[in-house]
Amino acid sequence: MSVKDSNGLELNDRDSVQVIKDLKVKGSSINLKRGTVFKNIRLTSKEAEVECRQGKSTIVLKTCFLKKV
């Protein structure tokens, strides 16, 4: 399975990614601003999603809104 970011670069476990658009997190009051960097991402069983840590919570983000740093 090949997981790619919005620019077509391949993502791996423990990569750092940056959010390219302001996002509202479903089921939470968290808003992610453009330019927010997440370190040590984890790949999921789905090609279009990755897991990230935001504070003490874990969130799942779609790869179409991320770019590799």
C-alpha atoms as a PDB file:
ATOM      1  CA  MET A   1       0.000   0.000   0.000  1.00  0.00           C
ATOM      2  CA  SER A   2       1.381   3.381  -0.998  1.00  0.00           C
ATOM      3  CA  VAL A   3       0.234   6.416   1.004  1.00  0.00           C
ATOM      4  CA  LYS A   4       0.787   9.791  -0.689  1.00  0.00           C
ATOM      5  CA  ASP A   5       0.340  13.393   0.418  1.00  0.00           C
ATOM      6  CA  SER A   6      -1.345  16.177  -1.568  1.00  0.00           C
ATOM      7  CA  ASN A   7       1.799  16.704  -3.678  1.00  0.00           C
ATOM      8  CA  GLY A   8       2.214  13.021  -4.543  1.00  0.00           C
ATOM      9  CA  LEU A   9       5.153  12.329  -2.203  1.00  0.00           C
ATOM     10  CA  GLU A  10       5.126   8.992  -0.404  1.00  0.00           C
ATOM     11  CA  LEU A  11       4.469   9.076   3.353  1.00  0.00           C
ATOM     12  CA  ASN A  12       6.015   6.653   5.856  1.00  0.00           C
ATOM     13  CA  ASP A  13       5.604   6.036   9.585  1.00  0.00           C
ATOM     14  CA  ARG A  14       7.287   8.686  11.761  1.00  0.00           C
ATOM     15  CA  ASP A  15       7.308  11.340   8.993  1.00  0.00           C
ATOM     16  CA  SER A  16       6.422  14.968   9.705  1.00  0.00           C
ATOM     17  CA  VAL A  17       3.529  16.557   7.837  1.00  0.00           C
ATOM     18  CA  GLN A  18       2.044  20.043   7.577  1.00  0.00           C
ATOM     19  CA  VAL A  19      -1.641  20.978   7.209  1.00  0.00           C
ATOM     20  CA  ILE A  20      -2.301  22.908   3.971  1.00  0.00           C
ATOM     21  CA  LYS A  21      -5.798  24.199   4.838  1.00  0.00           C
ATOM     22  CA  ASP A  22      -7.698  25.308   7.954  1.00  0.00           C
ATOM     23  CA  LEU A  23      -9.650  22.294   9.222  1.00  0.00           C
ATOM     24  CA  LYS A  24     -12.405  21.740  11.769  1.00  0.00           C
ATOM     25  CA  VAL A  25     -12.051  18.458  13.657  1.00  0.00           C
ATOM     26  CA  LYS A  26     -15.295  16.492  13.652  1.00  0.00           C
ATOM     27  CA  GLY A  27     -16.679  15.723  17.118  1.00  0.00           C
ATOM     28  CA  SER A  28     -14.353  18.189  18.830  1.00  0.00           C
ATOM     29  CA  SER A  29     -13.920  21.915  19.345  1.00  0.00           C
ATOM     30  CA  ILE A  30     -10.371  21.777  17.931  1.00  0.00           C
ATOM     31  CA  ASN A  31      -9.605  23.865  14.834  1.00  0.00           C
ATOM     32  CA  LEU A  32      -6.362  23.141  12.991  1.00  0.00           C
ATOM     33  CA  LYS A  33      -4.751  26.173  11.398  1.00  0.00           C
ATOM     34  CA  ARG A  34      -2.944  26.082   8.072  1.00  0.00           C
ATOM     35  CA  GLY A  35       0.755  25.398   8.639  1.00  0.00           C
ATOM     36  CA  THR A  36       0.327  23.222  11.751  1.00  0.00           C
ATOM     37  CA  VAL A  37       3.072  20.567  11.801  1.00  0.00           C
ATOM     38  CA  PHE A  38       2.542  17.033  13.093  1.00  0.00           C
ATOM     39  CA  LYS A  39       5.572  14.870  13.854  1.00  0.00           C
ATOM     40  CA  ASN A  40       5.731  11.067  14.054  1.00  0.00           C
ATOM     41  CA  ILE A  41       2.592  10.249  12.079  1.00  0.00           C
ATOM     42  CA  ARG A  42       1.310   6.680  11.924  1.00  0.00           C
ATOM     43  CA  LEU A  43      -0.163   5.058   8.840  1.00  0.00           C
ATOM     44  CA  THR A  44      -3.559   3.388   9.160  1.00  0.00           C
ATOM     45  CA  SER A  45      -5.120   0.502   7.276  1.00  0.00           C
ATOM     46  CA  LYS A  46      -6.771   3.034   4.932  1.00  0.00           C
ATOM     47  CA  GLU A  47      -4.684   4.607   2.176  1.00  0.00           C
ATOM     48  CA  ALA A  48      -6.183   8.084   2.522  1.00  0.00           C
ATOM     49  CA  GLU A  49      -5.787   8.499   6.314  1.00  0.00           C
ATOM     50  CA  VAL A  50      -3.005   8.929   8.885  1.00  0.00           C
ATOM     51  CA  GLU A  51      -3.053   9.172  12.684  1.00  0.00           C
ATOM     52  CA  CYS A  52      -1.497  12.161  14.463  1.00  0.00           C
ATOM     53  CA  ARG A  53      -1.180  13.302  18.077  1.00  0.00           C
ATOM     54  CA  GLN A  54      -2.669  16.703  18.987  1.00  0.00           C
ATOM     55  CA  GLY A  55      -1.839  17.298  22.640  1.00  0.00           C
ATOM     56  CA  LYS A  56      -3.064  14.223  24.509  1.00  0.00           C
ATOM     57  CA  SER A  57      -5.610  13.189  21.876  1.00  0.00           C
ATOM     58  CA  THR A  58      -5.111  11.177  18.698  1.00  0.00           C
ATOM     59  CA  ILE A  59      -6.789  12.426  15.522  1.00  0.00           C
ATOM     60  CA  VAL A  60      -7.109  10.921  12.061  1.00  0.00           C
ATOM     61  CA  LEU A  61      -6.412  13.217   9.109  1.00  0.00           C
ATOM     62  CA  LYS A  62      -6.984  12.732   5.398  1.00  0.00           C
ATOM     63  CA  THR A  63      -3.790  12.826   3.338  1.00  0.00           C
ATOM     64  CA  CYS A  64      -5.315  15.204   0.750  1.00  0.00           C
ATOM     65  CA  PHE A  65      -4.959  18.014   3.349  1.00  0.00           C
ATOM     66  CA  LEU A  66      -1.317  17.232   4.252  1.00  0.00           C
ATOM     67  CA  LYS A  67       2.103  17.827   2.746  1.00  0.00           C
ATOM     68  CA  LYS A  68       5.367  16.203   3.766  1.00  0.00           C
ATOM     69  CA  VAL A  69       7.872  18.430   5.579  1.00  0.00           C
END
